């Protein structure tokens, strides 16, 4: 499963979202390494419906500041 890294830092499923100017395409192999091996990204709880992925660091920062 490949993903697109948006210019704004967001991560979206490449199969569910069209390419936008400035996207960086992340292929299946790199996506696997990022999500399974290094665990720096993870699928949104509603991923099957919204196609979103998140950076683990963003969640950790938000949790440490009491934002979530």
Protein backbone atom coordinates (compact mmCIF):
# COMPACT_ATOMS: atom_id res chain seq x y z
CA UNK A 1 0.00 0.00 0.00
CA UNK A 2 1.59 3.25 -1.08
CA UNK A 3 0.96 6.66 0.42
CA UNK A 4 1.35 10.31 -0.51
CA UNK A 5 3.20 12.75 1.71
CA UNK A 6 1.51 16.11 1.20
CA UNK A 7 3.37 19.44 1.23
CA UNK A 8 1.56 20.27 4.47
CA UNK A 9 3.07 17.16 6.13
CA UNK A 10 -0.10 15.08 5.94
CA UNK A 11 -0.06 11.44 4.87
CA UNK A 12 -2.83 9.95 2.72
CA UNK A 13 -3.51 6.64 1.02
CA UNK A 14 -2.32 6.90 -2.59
CA UNK A 15 -5.15 4.67 -3.81
CA UNK A 16 -7.83 6.89 -2.26
CA UNK A 17 -6.44 10.36 -3.01
CA UNK A 18 -5.40 11.86 -6.34
CA UNK A 19 -1.91 13.26 -6.70
CA UNK A 20 -1.46 16.94 -5.85
CA UNK A 21 1.33 19.28 -6.86
CA UNK A 22 4.22 18.87 -4.43
CA UNK A 23 3.32 15.37 -3.19
CA UNK A 24 6.07 12.91 -2.42
CA UNK A 25 5.09 9.38 -3.41
CA UNK A 26 6.05 6.70 -0.88
CA UNK A 27 6.08 3.23 -2.42
CA UNK A 28 4.99 -0.03 -0.76
CA UNK A 29 8.48 -0.95 0.45
CA UNK A 30 9.21 2.36 2.14
CA UNK A 31 5.68 2.48 3.55
CA UNK A 32 6.21 -0.96 5.08
CA UNK A 33 9.50 0.13 6.62
CA UNK A 34 7.96 3.31 8.04
CA UNK A 35 4.85 1.65 9.48
CA UNK A 36 5.92 -1.88 10.45
CA UNK A 37 9.67 -1.84 11.02
CA UNK A 38 10.31 1.67 12.35
CA UNK A 39 6.75 2.44 13.53
CA UNK A 40 6.98 6.16 12.74
CA UNK A 41 3.57 6.29 11.03
CA UNK A 42 0.27 4.56 11.71
CA UNK A 43 -3.16 4.31 10.11
CA UNK A 44 -6.00 6.45 11.37
CA UNK A 45 -8.69 4.56 13.31
CA UNK A 46 -11.08 5.30 10.42
CA UNK A 47 -8.44 4.63 7.74
CA UNK A 48 -10.66 2.39 5.63
CA UNK A 49 -13.12 5.27 5.27
CA UNK A 50 -10.83 8.32 5.28
CA UNK A 51 -7.48 7.01 3.99
CA UNK A 52 -5.45 8.99 6.52
CA UNK A 53 -2.12 8.13 8.12
CA UNK A 54 -0.43 9.92 11.01
CA UNK A 55 3.12 10.59 12.13
CA UNK A 56 3.69 8.95 15.51
CA UNK A 57 5.72 11.96 16.71
CA UNK A 58 2.74 14.29 16.16
CA UNK A 59 0.56 12.12 18.37
CA UNK A 60 3.22 11.88 21.05
CA UNK A 61 3.67 15.67 21.09
CA UNK A 62 -0.09 16.26 21.31
CA UNK A 63 -0.45 13.73 24.12
CA UNK A 64 2.47 15.19 26.07
CA UNK A 65 0.84 18.64 25.88
CA UNK A 66 -2.55 17.28 26.93
CA UNK A 67 -4.11 18.16 23.58
CA UNK A 68 -5.68 14.73 23.04
